[in-house]
Amino acid sequence: MAISQGKSTRGPSGKRNISMRGKRKFELGRDPAETRLGEKNLRKIRTHGGNFKNRLAEGNTINIINPENNNAENAEIYNVIENKANPNYVRRNIITKGAIVETSAGKAKVTSRPGQDGVINGVLI
């Protein structure tokens, strides 16, 4: 069954709305990217209007900003320590925005959306 991001079948009071039309192609949603820890692997996805979006399927490096001196550096990711999006993502080493990862420079919080941007950015904690 397709993931739909179209009009809800329920009204504000909870009543059931009978749709005047079916689903449309432009209302189609997609499965989450679920960026894993591993060798860099990008997936190119066609979006609305013929544009393309890079989805990071796997990645093992992070661009870190040090808040003390505002220096940026590239570090290697060892594993995922905490992920508030889903506790099971820690066991599976899935990286999302807000995840805390252990890197070669120390602990860092992911500030980008790897499934949308195609890159992992973070801030040193």
PDB file of N, CA and C in Angstrom:
ATOM      1  N   MET A   1       0.838  -1.181   0.000  1.00  0.00           N
ATOM      2  CA  MET A   1       0.000   0.000   0.000  1.00  0.00           C
ATOM      3  C   MET A   1       0.884   1.246   0.000  1.00  0.00           C
ATOM      4  N   ALA A   2       0.540   2.218  -0.805  1.00  0.00           N
ATOM      5  CA  ALA A   2       1.343   3.432  -0.939  1.00  0.00           C
ATOM      6  C   ALA A   2       1.191   4.332   0.269  1.00  0.00           C
ATOM      7  N   ILE A   3       2.253   5.078   0.575  1.00  0.00           N
ATOM      8  CA  ILE A   3       2.215   6.071   1.641  1.00  0.00           C
ATOM      9  C   ILE A   3       1.620   7.342   1.053  1.00  0.00           C
ATOM     10  N   SER A   4       0.506   7.793   1.622  1.00  0.00           N
ATOM     11  CA  SER A   4      -0.177   8.972   1.086  1.00  0.00           C
ATOM     12  C   SER A   4      -0.033  10.144   2.045  1.00  0.00           C
ATOM     13  N   GLN A   5       0.264  11.316   1.500  1.00  0.00           N
ATOM     14  CA  GLN A   5       0.331  12.526   2.297  1.00  0.00           C
ATOM     15  C   GLN A   5      -0.760  13.489   1.853  1.00  0.00           C
ATOM     16  N   GLY A   6      -1.862  12.945   1.412  1.00  0.00           N
ATOM     17  CA  GLY A   6      -2.974  13.743   0.916  1.00  0.00           C
ATOM     18  C   GLY A   6      -3.912  14.172   2.029  1.00  0.00           C
ATOM     19  N   LYS A   7      -5.143  14.495   1.649  1.00  0.00           N
ATOM     20  CA  LYS A   7      -6.152  14.983   2.582  1.00  0.00           C
ATOM     21  C   LYS A   7      -6.555  13.872   3.543  1.00  0.00           C
ATOM     22  N   SER A   8      -6.784  14.248   4.795  1.00  0.00           N
ATOM     23  CA  SER A   8      -7.180  13.290   5.818  1.00  0.00           C
ATOM     24  C   SER A   8      -8.607  12.815   5.581  1.00  0.00           C
ATOM     25  N   THR A   9      -8.902  11.604   6.034  1.00  0.00           N
ATOM     26  CA  THR A   9     -10.261  11.073   5.908  1.00  0.00           C
ATOM     27  C   THR A   9     -11.126  11.478   7.092  1.00  0.00           C
ATOM     28  N   ARG A  10     -10.557  12.227   8.043  1.00  0.00           N
ATOM     29  CA  ARG A  10     -11.294  12.659   9.228  1.00  0.00           C
ATOM     30  C   ARG A  10     -11.358  14.182   9.296  1.00  0.00           C
ATOM     31  N   GLY A  11     -12.471  14.691   9.787  1.00  0.00           N
ATOM     32  CA  GLY A  11     -12.639  16.133   9.974  1.00  0.00           C
ATOM     33  C   GLY A  11     -12.112  16.565  11.322  1.00  0.00           C
ATOM     34  N   PRO A  12     -12.202  17.862  11.655  1.00  0.00           N
ATOM     35  CA  PRO A  12     -11.676  18.369  12.921  1.00  0.00           C
ATOM     36  C   PRO A  12     -12.363  17.752  14.141  1.00  0.00           C
ATOM     37  N   SER A  13     -13.638  17.398  14.018  1.00  0.00           N
ATOM     38  CA  SER A  13     -14.373  16.826  15.149  1.00  0.00           C
ATOM     39  C   SER A  13     -14.188  15.316  15.242  1.00  0.00           C
ATOM     40  N   GLY A  14     -13.548  14.717  14.251  1.00  0.00           N
ATOM     41  CA  GLY A  14     -13.361  13.274  14.234  1.00  0.00           C
ATOM     42  C   GLY A  14     -14.335  12.576  13.304  1.00  0.00           C
ATOM     43  N   LYS A  15     -15.253  13.341  12.716  1.00  0.00           N
ATOM     44  CA  LYS A  15     -16.221  12.735  11.789  1.00  0.00           C
ATOM     45  C   LYS A  15     -15.505  12.229  10.543  1.00  0.00           C
ATOM     46  N   ARG A  16     -16.115  11.283   9.862  1.00  0.00           N
ATOM     47  CA  ARG A  16     -15.518  10.705   8.665  1.00  0.00           C
ATOM     48  C   ARG A  16     -15.927  11.518   7.449  1.00  0.00           C
ATOM     49  N   ASN A  17     -14.927  11.986   6.703  1.00  0.00           N
ATOM     50  CA  ASN A  17     -15.180  12.703   5.454  1.00  0.00           C
ATOM     51  C   ASN A  17     -15.201  11.719   4.300  1.00  0.00           C
ATOM     52  N   ILE A  18     -16.169  11.838   3.445  1.00  0.00           N
ATOM     53  CA  ILE A  18     -16.220  11.021   2.244  1.00  0.00           C
ATOM     54  C   ILE A  18     -15.530  11.811   1.136  1.00  0.00           C
ATOM     55  N   SER A  19     -14.439  11.250   0.618  1.00  0.00           N
ATOM     56  CA  SER A  19     -13.608  11.953  -0.352  1.00  0.00           C
ATOM     57  C   SER A  19     -14.334  12.124  -1.681  1.00  0.00           C
ATOM     58  N   MET A  20     -14.145  13.280  -2.292  1.00  0.00           N
ATOM     59  CA  MET A  20     -14.731  13.549  -3.602  1.00  0.00           C
ATOM     60  C   MET A  20     -13.824  13.049  -4.729  1.00  0.00           C
ATOM     61  N   ARG A  21     -12.601  12.644  -4.362  1.00  0.00           N
ATOM     62  CA  ARG A  21     -11.659  12.140  -5.362  1.00  0.00           C
ATOM     63  C   ARG A  21     -10.714  11.144  -4.699  1.00  0.00           C
ATOM     64  N   GLY A  22      -9.937  10.464  -5.524  1.00  0.00           N
ATOM     65  CA  GLY A  22      -8.983   9.485  -5.016  1.00  0.00           C
ATOM     66  C   GLY A  22      -7.628  10.118  -4.750  1.00  0.00           C
ATOM     67  N   LYS A  23      -6.622   9.269  -4.601  1.00  0.00           N
ATOM     68  CA  LYS A  23      -5.266   9.745  -4.350  1.00  0.00           C
ATOM     69  C   LYS A  23      -4.646  10.275  -5.634  1.00  0.00           C
ATOM     70  N   ARG A  24      -3.660  11.143  -5.495  1.00  0.00           N
ATOM     71  CA  ARG A  24      -2.955  11.721  -6.636  1.00  0.00           C
ATOM     72  C   ARG A  24      -1.467  11.396  -6.547  1.00  0.00           C
ATOM     73  N   LYS A  25      -0.827  11.350  -7.666  1.00  0.00           N
ATOM     74  CA  LYS A  25       0.599  11.016  -7.727  1.00  0.00           C
ATOM     75  C   LYS A  25       1.441  12.014  -6.914  1.00  0.00           C
ATOM     76  N   PHE A  26       1.068  13.319  -6.953  1.00  0.00           N
ATOM     77  CA  PHE A  26       1.870  14.322  -6.256  1.00  0.00           C
ATOM     78  C   PHE A  26       1.676  14.273  -4.735  1.00  0.00           C
ATOM     79  N   GLU A  27       0.717  13.494  -4.253  1.00  0.00           N
ATOM     80  CA  GLU A  27       0.510  13.323  -2.818  1.00  0.00           C
ATOM     81  C   GLU A  27       1.251  12.106  -2.267  1.00  0.00           C
ATOM     82  N   LEU A  28       1.984  11.433  -3.128  1.00  0.00           N
ATOM     83  CA  LEU A  28       2.675  10.210  -2.752  1.00  0.00           C
ATOM     84  C   LEU A  28       3.834  10.502  -1.799  1.00  0.00           C
ATOM     85  N   GLY A  29       3.901   9.757  -0.721  1.00  0.00           N
ATOM     86  CA  GLY A  29       5.018   9.863   0.224  1.00  0.00           C
ATOM     87  C   GLY A  29       6.001   8.737  -0.027  1.00  0.00           C
ATOM     88  N   ARG A  30       7.160   8.780   0.645  1.00  0.00           N
ATOM     89  CA  ARG A  30       8.156   7.730   0.481  1.00  0.00           C
ATOM     90  C   ARG A  30       8.582   7.198   1.840  1.00  0.00           C
ATOM     91  N   ASP A  31       9.170   6.015   1.821  1.00  0.00           N
ATOM     92  CA  ASP A  31       9.693   5.427   3.046  1.00  0.00           C
ATOM     93  C   ASP A  31      10.852   6.269   3.560  1.00  0.00           C
ATOM     94  N   PRO A  32      11.104   6.278   4.884  1.00  0.00           N
ATOM     95  CA  PRO A  32      12.236   7.046   5.413  1.00  0.00           C
ATOM     96  C   PRO A  32      13.561   6.489   4.908  1.00  0.00           C
ATOM     97  N   ALA A  33      14.558   7.362   4.788  1.00  0.00           N
ATOM     98  CA  ALA A  33      15.856   6.957   4.234  1.00  0.00           C
ATOM     99  C   ALA A  33      16.604   6.031   5.186  1.00  0.00           C
ATOM    100  N   GLU A  34      16.508   6.269   6.496  1.00  0.00           N
ATOM    101  CA  GLU A  34      17.197   5.483   7.523  1.00  0.00           C
ATOM    102  C   GLU A  34      18.678   5.314   7.194  1.00  0.00           C
ATOM    103  N   THR A  35      19.405   6.427   7.267  1.00  0.00           N
ATOM    104  CA  THR A  35      20.836   6.446   6.973  1.00  0.00           C
ATOM    105  C   THR A  35      21.595   5.584   7.970  1.00  0.00           C
ATOM    106  N   ARG A  36      22.327   4.603   7.452  1.00  0.00           N
ATOM    107  CA  ARG A  36      23.075   3.690   8.301  1.00  0.00           C
ATOM    108  C   ARG A  36      24.549   4.079   8.350  1.00  0.00           C
ATOM    109  N   LEU A  37      25.237   3.488   9.309  1.00  0.00           N
ATOM    110  CA  LEU A  37      26.672   3.694   9.449  1.00  0.00           C
ATOM    111  C   LEU A  37      27.383   2.728   8.509  1.00  0.00           C
ATOM    112  N   GLY A  38      28.233   3.258   7.636  1.00  0.00           N
ATOM    113  CA  GLY A  38      28.957   2.421   6.673  1.00  0.00           C
ATOM    114  C   GLY A  38      29.635   3.280   5.627  1.00  0.00           C
ATOM    115  N   GLU A  39      30.204   2.643   4.623  1.00  0.00           N
ATOM    116  CA  GLU A  39      30.877   3.360   3.537  1.00  0.00           C
ATOM    117  C   GLU A  39      29.871   4.243   2.807  1.00  0.00           C
ATOM    118  N   LYS A  40      30.297   5.450   2.385  1.00  0.00           N
ATOM    119  CA  LYS A  40      29.384   6.433   1.798  1.00  0.00           C
ATOM    120  C   LYS A  40      28.638   5.874   0.584  1.00  0.00           C
ATOM    121  N   ASN A  41      27.308   6.035   0.614  1.00  0.00           N
ATOM    122  CA  ASN A  41      26.460   5.522  -0.453  1.00  0.00           C
ATOM    123  C   ASN A  41      25.281   6.477  -0.619  1.00  0.00           C
ATOM    124  N   LEU A  42      25.222   7.166  -1.765  1.00  0.00           N
ATOM    125  CA  LEU A  42      24.148   8.116  -2.049  1.00  0.00           C
ATOM    126  C   LEU A  42      23.112   7.499  -2.973  1.00  0.00           C
ATOM    127  N   ARG A  43      21.845   7.825  -2.733  1.00  0.00           N
ATOM    128  CA  ARG A  43      20.772   7.429  -3.630  1.00  0.00           C
ATOM    129  C   ARG A  43      20.158   8.691  -4.206  1.00  0.00           C
ATOM    130  N   LYS A  44      19.997   8.733  -5.512  1.00  0.00           N
ATOM    131  CA  LYS A  44      19.421   9.896  -6.181  1.00  0.00           C
ATOM    132  C   LYS A  44      17.937   9.636  -6.388  1.00  0.00           C
ATOM    133  N   ILE A  45      17.085  10.560  -5.911  1.00  0.00           N
ATOM    134  CA  ILE A  45      15.644  10.376  -5.997  1.00  0.00           C
ATOM    135  C   ILE A  45      15.048  11.534  -6.776  1.00  0.00           C
ATOM    136  N   ARG A  46      14.177  11.218  -7.744  1.00  0.00           N
ATOM    137  CA  ARG A  46      13.512  12.260  -8.512  1.00  0.00           C
ATOM    138  C   ARG A  46      12.369  12.819  -7.693  1.00  0.00           C
ATOM    139  N   THR A  47      12.299  14.148  -7.612  1.00  0.00           N
ATOM    140  CA  THR A  47      11.264  14.813  -6.826  1.00  0.00           C
ATOM    141  C   THR A  47      10.321  15.579  -7.747  1.00  0.00           C
ATOM    142  N   HIS A  48       9.379  16.290  -7.153  1.00  0.00           N
ATOM    143  CA  HIS A  48       8.374  17.051  -7.893  1.00  0.00           C
ATOM    144  C   HIS A  48       9.038  18.112  -8.772  1.00  0.00           C
ATOM    145  N   GLY A  49       8.627  18.224  -9.996  1.00  0.00           N
ATOM    146  CA  GLY A  49       9.181  19.215 -10.913  1.00  0.00           C
ATOM    147  C   GLY A  49      10.402  18.727 -11.663  1.00  0.00           C
ATOM    148  N   GLY A  50      10.731  17.438 -11.546  1.00  0.00           N
ATOM    149  CA  GLY A  50      11.883  16.896 -12.256  1.00  0.00           C
ATOM    150  C   GLY A  50      13.202  17.144 -11.565  1.00  0.00           C
ATOM    151  N   ASN A  51      13.175  17.695 -10.357  1.00  0.00           N
ATOM    152  CA  ASN A  51      14.413  17.922  -9.608  1.00  0.00           C
ATOM    153  C   ASN A  51      14.879  16.625  -8.963  1.00  0.00           C
ATOM    154  N   PHE A  52      16.090  16.652  -8.408  1.00  0.00           N
ATOM    155  CA  PHE A  52      16.636  15.477  -7.751  1.00  0.00           C
ATOM    156  C   PHE A  52      17.055  15.801  -6.336  1.00  0.00           C
ATOM    157  N   LYS A  53      16.926  14.808  -5.465  1.00  0.00           N
ATOM    158  CA  LYS A  53      17.311  14.932  -4.061  1.00  0.00           C
ATOM    159  C   LYS A  53      18.283  13.800  -3.767  1.00  0.00           C
ATOM    160  N   ASN A  54      19.391  14.127  -3.096  1.00  0.00           N
ATOM    161  CA  ASN A  54      20.368  13.101  -2.732  1.00  0.00           C
ATOM    162  C   ASN A  54      20.038  12.562  -1.355  1.00  0.00           C
ATOM    163  N   ARG A  55      19.807  11.258  -1.289  1.00  0.00           N
ATOM    164  CA  ARG A  55      19.548  10.608  -0.012  1.00  0.00           C
ATOM    165  C   ARG A  55      20.794   9.836   0.378  1.00  0.00           C
ATOM    166  N   LEU A  56      21.249  10.031   1.602  1.00  0.00           N
ATOM    167  CA  LEU A  56      22.417   9.320   2.089  1.00  0.00           C
ATOM    168  C   LEU A  56      21.960   7.981   2.656  1.00  0.00           C
ATOM    169  N   ALA A  57      22.260   6.892   1.960  1.00  0.00           N
ATOM    170  CA  ALA A  57      21.876   5.561   2.426  1.00  0.00           C
ATOM    171  C   ALA A  57      22.827   5.087   3.516  1.00  0.00           C
ATOM    172  N   GLU A  58      24.120   5.368   3.333  1.00  0.00           N
ATOM    173  CA  GLU A  58      25.128   5.018   4.327  1.00  0.00           C
ATOM    174  C   GLU A  58      26.193   6.099   4.357  1.00  0.00           C
ATOM    175  N   GLY A  59      26.763   6.349   5.532  1.00  0.00           N
ATOM    176  CA  GLY A  59      27.819   7.345   5.679  1.00  0.00           C
ATOM    177  C   GLY A  59      28.650   7.071   6.909  1.00  0.00           C
ATOM    178  N   ASN A  60      29.936   7.438   6.865  1.00  0.00           N
ATOM    179  CA  ASN A  60      30.806   7.201   8.019  1.00  0.00           C
ATOM    180  C   ASN A  60      31.644   8.419   8.390  1.00  0.00           C
ATOM    181  N   THR A  61      31.393   9.576   7.747  1.00  0.00           N
ATOM    182  CA  THR A  61      32.101  10.801   8.114  1.00  0.00           C
ATOM    183  C   THR A  61      31.095  11.892   8.450  1.00  0.00           C
ATOM    184  N   ILE A  62      31.516  12.824   9.293  1.00  0.00           N
ATOM    185  CA  ILE A  62      30.650  13.926   9.724  1.00  0.00           C
ATOM    186  C   ILE A  62      31.440  15.226   9.694  1.00  0.00           C
ATOM    187  N   ASN A  63      30.789  16.301   9.244  1.00  0.00           N
ATOM    188  CA  ASN A  63      31.387  17.634   9.288  1.00  0.00           C
ATOM    189  C   ASN A  63      31.018  18.251  10.628  1.00  0.00           C
ATOM    190  N   ILE A  64      32.031  18.464  11.472  1.00  0.00           N
ATOM    191  CA  ILE A  64      31.783  18.934  12.836  1.00  0.00           C
ATOM    192  C   ILE A  64      32.194  20.389  12.981  1.00  0.00           C
ATOM    193  N   ILE A  65      31.359  21.153  13.692  1.00  0.00           N
ATOM    194  CA  ILE A  65      31.706  22.530  14.070  1.00  0.00           C
ATOM    195  C   ILE A  65      31.990  22.533  15.569  1.00  0.00           C
ATOM    196  N   ASN A  66      33.115  23.095  15.952  1.00  0.00           N
ATOM    197  CA  ASN A  66      33.451  23.243  17.367  1.00  0.00           C
ATOM    198  C   ASN A  66      32.902  24.582  17.843  1.00  0.00           C
ATOM    199  N   PRO A  67      31.926  24.604  18.770  1.00  0.00           N
ATOM    200  CA  PRO A  67      31.299  25.873  19.171  1.00  0.00           C
ATOM    201  C   PRO A  67      32.230  26.819  19.929  1.00  0.00           C
ATOM    202  N   GLU A  68      33.312  26.299  20.503  1.00  0.00           N
ATOM    203  CA  GLU A  68      34.231  27.160  21.261  1.00  0.00           C
ATOM    204  C   GLU A  68      35.000  28.111  20.362  1.00  0.00           C
ATOM    205  N   ASN A  69      35.509  27.595  19.217  1.00  0.00           N
ATOM    206  CA  ASN A  69      36.321  28.443  18.344  1.00  0.00           C
ATOM    207  C   ASN A  69      35.774  28.525  16.919  1.00  0.00           C
ATOM    208  N   ASN A  70      34.587  27.940  16.667  1.00  0.00           N
ATOM    209  CA  ASN A  70      33.921  27.968  15.353  1.00  0.00           C
ATOM    210  C   ASN A  70      34.762  27.353  14.235  1.00  0.00           C
ATOM    211  N   ASN A  71      35.620  26.402  14.575  1.00  0.00           N
ATOM    212  CA  ASN A  71      36.396  25.701  13.557  1.00  0.00           C
ATOM    213  C   ASN A  71      35.623  24.489  13.065  1.00  0.00           C
ATOM    214  N   ALA A  72      35.704  24.234  11.764  1.00  0.00           N
ATOM    215  CA  ALA A  72      35.047  23.076  11.176  1.00  0.00           C
ATOM    216  C   ALA A  72      36.091  22.021  10.845  1.00  0.00           C
ATOM    217  N   GLU A  73      35.722  20.760  11.069  1.00  0.00           N
ATOM    218  CA  GLU A  73      36.621  19.669  10.722  1.00  0.00           C
ATOM    219  C   GLU A  73      35.801  18.450  10.310  1.00  0.00           C
ATOM    220  N   ASN A  74      36.469  17.552   9.603  1.00  0.00           N
ATOM    221  CA  ASN A  74      35.828  16.318   9.154  1.00  0.00           C
ATOM    222  C   ASN A  74      36.291  15.197  10.064  1.00  0.00           C
ATOM    223  N   ALA A  75      35.352  14.443  10.640  1.00  0.00           N
ATOM    224  CA  ALA A  75      35.704  13.375  11.577  1.00  0.00           C
ATOM    225  C   ALA A  75      35.034  12.071  11.155  1.00  0.00           C
ATOM    226  N   GLU A  76      35.579  10.984  11.647  1.00  0.00           N
ATOM    227  CA  GLU A  76      35.022   9.671  11.358  1.00  0.00           C
ATOM    228  C   GLU A  76      34.035   9.285  12.452  1.00  0.00           C
ATOM    229  N   ILE A  77      32.914   8.670  12.049  1.00  0.00           N
ATOM    230  CA  ILE A  77      31.897   8.229  13.009  1.00  0.00           C
ATOM    231  C   ILE A  77      32.187   6.787  13.388  1.00  0.00           C
ATOM    232  N   TYR A  78      32.201   6.528  14.731  1.00  0.00           N
ATOM    233  CA  TYR A  78      32.427   5.170  15.206  1.00  0.00           C
ATOM    234  C   TYR A  78      31.111   4.437  15.446  1.00  0.00           C
ATOM    235  N   ASN A  79      30.194   5.064  16.194  1.00  0.00           N
ATOM    236  CA  ASN A  79      28.885   4.443  16.397  1.00  0.00           C
ATOM    237  C   ASN A  79      27.885   5.467  16.913  1.00  0.00           C
ATOM    238  N   VAL A  80      26.609   5.079  16.942  1.00  0.00           N
ATOM    239  CA  VAL A  80      25.529   5.940  17.405  1.00  0.00           C
ATOM    240  C   VAL A  80      25.319   5.669  18.888  1.00  0.00           C
ATOM    241  N   ILE A  81      25.348   6.734  19.708  1.00  0.00           N
ATOM    242  CA  ILE A  81      25.203   6.601  21.161  1.00  0.00           C
ATOM    243  C   ILE A  81      23.749   6.758  21.582  1.00  0.00           C
ATOM    244  N   GLU A  82      23.061   7.757  21.005  1.00  0.00           N
ATOM    245  CA  GLU A  82      21.683   8.062  21.412  1.00  0.00           C
ATOM    246  C   GLU A  82      20.917   8.583  20.212  1.00  0.00           C
ATOM    247  N   ASN A  83      19.640   8.207  20.123  1.00  0.00           N
ATOM    248  CA  ASN A  83      18.782   8.717  19.059  1.00  0.00           C
ATOM    249  C   ASN A  83      17.366   8.842  19.610  1.00  0.00           C
ATOM    250  N   LYS A  84      16.907  10.087  19.788  1.00  0.00           N
ATOM    251  CA  LYS A  84      15.589  10.320  20.376  1.00  0.00           C
ATOM    252  C   LYS A  84      14.457  10.034  19.403  1.00  0.00           C
ATOM    253  N   ALA A  85      14.758   9.966  18.106  1.00  0.00           N
ATOM    254  CA  ALA A  85      13.723   9.669  17.117  1.00  0.00           C
ATOM    255  C   ALA A  85      13.167   8.266  17.333  1.00  0.00           C
ATOM    256  N   ASN A  86      14.045   7.324  17.660  1.00  0.00           N
ATOM    257  CA  ASN A  86      13.626   5.946  17.875  1.00  0.00           C
ATOM    258  C   ASN A  86      14.723   5.222  18.654  1.00  0.00           C
ATOM    259  N   PRO A  87      14.429   4.647  19.820  1.00  0.00           N
ATOM    260  CA  PRO A  87      15.466   3.955  20.600  1.00  0.00           C
ATOM    261  C   PRO A  87      16.075   2.763  19.859  1.00  0.00           C
ATOM    262  N   ASN A  88      15.309   2.132  18.952  1.00  0.00           N
ATOM    263  CA  ASN A  88      15.835   0.991  18.203  1.00  0.00           C
ATOM    264  C   ASN A  88      16.878   1.408  17.182  1.00  0.00           C
ATOM    265  N   TYR A  89      16.927   2.686  16.807  1.00  0.00           N
ATOM    266  CA  TYR A  89      17.914   3.173  15.843  1.00  0.00           C
ATOM    267  C   TYR A  89      19.335   3.078  16.406  1.00  0.00           C
ATOM    268  N   VAL A  90      19.495   3.102  17.733  1.00  0.00           N
ATOM    269  CA  VAL A  90      20.828   3.024  18.329  1.00  0.00           C
ATOM    270  C   VAL A  90      21.436   1.654  18.054  1.00  0.00           C
ATOM    271  N   ARG A  91      20.648   0.609  18.227  1.00  0.00           N
ATOM    272  CA  ARG A  91      21.137  -0.750  17.982  1.00  0.00           C
ATOM    273  C   ARG A  91      21.468  -0.973  16.517  1.00  0.00           C
ATOM    274  N   ARG A  92      20.677  -0.353  15.650  1.00  0.00           N
ATOM    275  CA  ARG A  92      20.863  -0.540  14.208  1.00  0.00           C
ATOM    276  C   ARG A  92      21.833   0.467  13.599  1.00  0.00           C
ATOM    277  N   ASN A  93      22.377   1.391  14.425  1.00  0.00           N
ATOM    278  CA  ASN A  93      23.315   2.438  13.980  1.00  0.00           C
ATOM    279  C   ASN A  93      22.723   3.284  12.861  1.00  0.00           C
ATOM    280  N   ILE A  94      21.478   3.736  13.054  1.00  0.00           N
ATOM    281  CA  ILE A  94      20.813   4.602  12.083  1.00  0.00           C
ATOM    282  C   ILE A  94      20.954   6.048  12.542  1.00  0.00           C
ATOM    283  N   ILE A  95      21.342   6.920  11.611  1.00  0.00           N
ATOM    284  CA  ILE A  95      21.632   8.318  11.926  1.00  0.00           C
ATOM    285  C   ILE A  95      20.508   9.203  11.399  1.00  0.00           C
ATOM    286  N   THR A  96      19.906   9.994  12.295  1.00  0.00           N
ATOM    287  CA  THR A  96      18.910  10.984  11.927  1.00  0.00           C
ATOM    288  C   THR A  96      19.277  12.300  12.583  1.00  0.00           C
ATOM    289  N   LYS A  97      18.518  13.350  12.290  1.00  0.00           N
ATOM    290  CA  LYS A  97      18.761  14.642  12.916  1.00  0.00           C
ATOM    291  C   LYS A  97      18.503  14.517  14.418  1.00  0.00           C
ATOM    292  N   GLY A  98      19.419  15.053  15.219  1.00  0.00           N
ATOM    293  CA  GLY A  98      19.288  14.992  16.670  1.00  0.00           C
ATOM    294  C   GLY A  98      19.997  13.816  17.299  1.00  0.00           C
ATOM    295  N   ALA A  99      20.512  12.904  16.485  1.00  0.00           N
ATOM    296  CA  ALA A  99      21.218  11.740  17.020  1.00  0.00           C
ATOM    297  C   ALA A  99      22.572  12.171  17.573  1.00  0.00           C
ATOM    298  N   ILE A 100      23.001  11.509  18.636  1.00  0.00           N
ATOM    299  CA  ILE A 100      24.319  11.775  19.216  1.00  0.00           C
ATOM    300  C   ILE A 100      25.232  10.625  18.804  1.00  0.00           C
ATOM    301  N   VAL A 101      26.345  10.987  18.154  1.00  0.00           N
ATOM    302  CA  VAL A 101      27.266   9.986  17.620  1.00  0.00           C
ATOM    303  C   VAL A 101      28.644  10.136  18.253  1.00  0.00           C
ATOM    304  N   GLU A 102      29.363   9.016  18.326  1.00  0.00           N
ATOM    305  CA  GLU A 102      30.728   9.030  18.831  1.00  0.00           C
ATOM    306  C   GLU A 102      31.664   9.141  17.637  1.00  0.00           C
ATOM    307  N   THR A 103      32.517  10.178  17.638  1.00  0.00           N
ATOM    308  CA  THR A 103      33.417  10.423  16.513  1.00  0.00           C
ATOM    309  C   THR A 103      34.867  10.426  16.980  1.00  0.00           C
ATOM    310  N   SER A 104      35.761  10.580  16.031  1.00  0.00           N
ATOM    311  CA  SER A 104      37.189  10.654  16.359  1.00  0.00           C
ATOM    312  C   SER A 104      37.530  11.944  17.093  1.00  0.00           C
ATOM    313  N   ALA A 105      36.664  12.971  16.999  1.00  0.00           N
ATOM    314  CA  ALA A 105      36.896  14.249  17.693  1.00  0.00           C
ATOM    315  C   ALA A 105      36.138  14.327  19.014  1.00  0.00           C
ATOM    316  N   GLY A 106      35.301  13.351  19.318  1.00  0.00           N
ATOM    317  CA  GLY A 106      34.483  13.358  20.531  1.00  0.00           C
ATOM    318  C   GLY A 106      33.013  13.161  20.177  1.00  0.00           C
ATOM    319  N   LYS A 107      32.151  13.396  21.172  1.00  0.00           N
ATOM    320  CA  LYS A 107      30.713  13.248  20.922  1.00  0.00           C
ATOM    321  C   LYS A 107      30.191  14.434  20.139  1.00  0.00           C
ATOM    322  N   ALA A 108      29.265  14.159  19.201  1.00  0.00           N
ATOM    323  CA  ALA A 108      28.691  15.219  18.366  1.00  0.00           C
ATOM    324  C   ALA A 108      27.206  14.972  18.177  1.00  0.00           C
ATOM    325  N   LYS A 109      26.455  16.072  18.053  1.00  0.00           N
ATOM    326  CA  LYS A 109      25.019  15.999  17.793  1.00  0.00           C
ATOM    327  C   LYS A 109      24.793  16.330  16.329  1.00  0.00           C
ATOM    328  N   VAL A 110      24.026  15.481  15.634  1.00  0.00           N
ATOM    329  CA  VAL A 110      23.764  15.657  14.210  1.00  0.00           C
ATOM    330  C   VAL A 110      22.749  16.781  14.022  1.00  0.00           C
ATOM    331  N   THR A 111      23.084  17.776  13.183  1.00  0.00           N
ATOM    332  CA  THR A 111      22.211  18.931  12.965  1.00  0.00           C
ATOM    333  C   THR A 111      21.578  18.926  11.576  1.00  0.00           C
ATOM    334  N   SER A 112      22.068  18.083  10.677  1.00  0.00           N
ATOM    335  CA  SER A 112      21.492  18.020   9.328  1.00  0.00           C
ATOM    336  C   SER A 112      20.537  16.839   9.239  1.00  0.00           C
ATOM    337  N   ARG A 113      19.817  16.770   8.123  1.00  0.00           N
ATOM    338  CA  ARG A 113      18.915  15.647   7.864  1.00  0.00           C
ATOM    339  C   ARG A 113      19.536  14.809   6.748  1.00  0.00           C
ATOM    340  N   PRO A 114      20.270  13.746   7.105  1.00  0.00           N
ATOM    341  CA  PRO A 114      21.017  12.989   6.089  1.00  0.00           C
ATOM    342  C   PRO A 114      20.132  12.410   4.984  1.00  0.00           C
ATOM    343  N   GLY A 115      18.913  12.039   5.297  1.00  0.00           N
ATOM    344  CA  GLY A 115      18.021  11.488   4.296  1.00  0.00           C
ATOM    345  C   GLY A 115      17.492  12.529   3.333  1.00  0.00           C
ATOM    346  N   GLN A 116      17.617  13.820   3.686  1.00  0.00           N
ATOM    347  CA  GLN A 116      17.146  14.910   2.834  1.00  0.00           C
ATOM    348  C   GLN A 116      18.309  15.651   2.181  1.00  0.00           C
ATOM    349  N   ASP A 117      19.409  15.844   2.931  1.00  0.00           N
ATOM    350  CA  ASP A 117      20.517  16.670   2.455  1.00  0.00           C
ATOM    351  C   ASP A 117      21.601  15.861   1.747  1.00  0.00           C
ATOM    352  N   GLY A 118      21.777  14.609   2.126  1.00  0.00           N
ATOM    353  CA  GLY A 118      22.831  13.794   1.535  1.00  0.00           C
ATOM    354  C   GLY A 118      24.182  13.995   2.185  1.00  0.00           C
ATOM    355  N   VAL A 119      24.215  14.649   3.367  1.00  0.00           N
ATOM    356  CA  VAL A 119      25.468  14.891   4.083  1.00  0.00           C
ATOM    357  C   VAL A 119      25.162  14.895   5.576  1.00  0.00           C
ATOM    358  N   ILE A 120      26.171  14.521   6.390  1.00  0.00           N
ATOM    359  CA  ILE A 120      25.990  14.527   7.844  1.00  0.00           C
ATOM    360  C   ILE A 120      26.789  15.689   8.418  1.00  0.00           C
ATOM    361  N   ASN A 121      26.091  16.646   9.019  1.00  0.00           N
ATOM    362  CA  ASN A 121      26.722  17.772   9.707  1.00  0.00           C
ATOM    363  C   ASN A 121      26.399  17.662  11.185  1.00  0.00           C
ATOM    364  N   GLY A 122      27.274  18.222  12.024  1.00  0.00           N
ATOM    365  CA  GLY A 122      27.031  18.139  13.458  1.00  0.00           C
ATOM    366  C   GLY A 122      27.770  19.199  14.243  1.00  0.00           C
ATOM    367  N   VAL A 123      27.446  19.257  15.549  1.00  0.00           N
ATOM    368  CA  VAL A 123      28.069  20.191  16.477  1.00  0.00           C
ATOM    369  C   VAL A 123      28.691  19.361  17.591  1.00  0.00           C
ATOM    370  N   LEU A 124      29.925  19.708  17.949  1.00  0.00           N
ATOM    371  CA  LEU A 124      30.626  19.016  19.022  1.00  0.00           C
ATOM    372  C   LEU A 124      29.954  19.322  20.350  1.00  0.00           C
ATOM    373  N   ILE A 125      29.767  18.282  21.167  1.00  0.00           N
ATOM    374  CA  ILE A 125      29.148  18.471  22.488  1.00  0.00           C
ATOM    375  C   ILE A 125      30.247  18.586  23.531  1.00  0.00           C
TER     376      ILE A 125
END
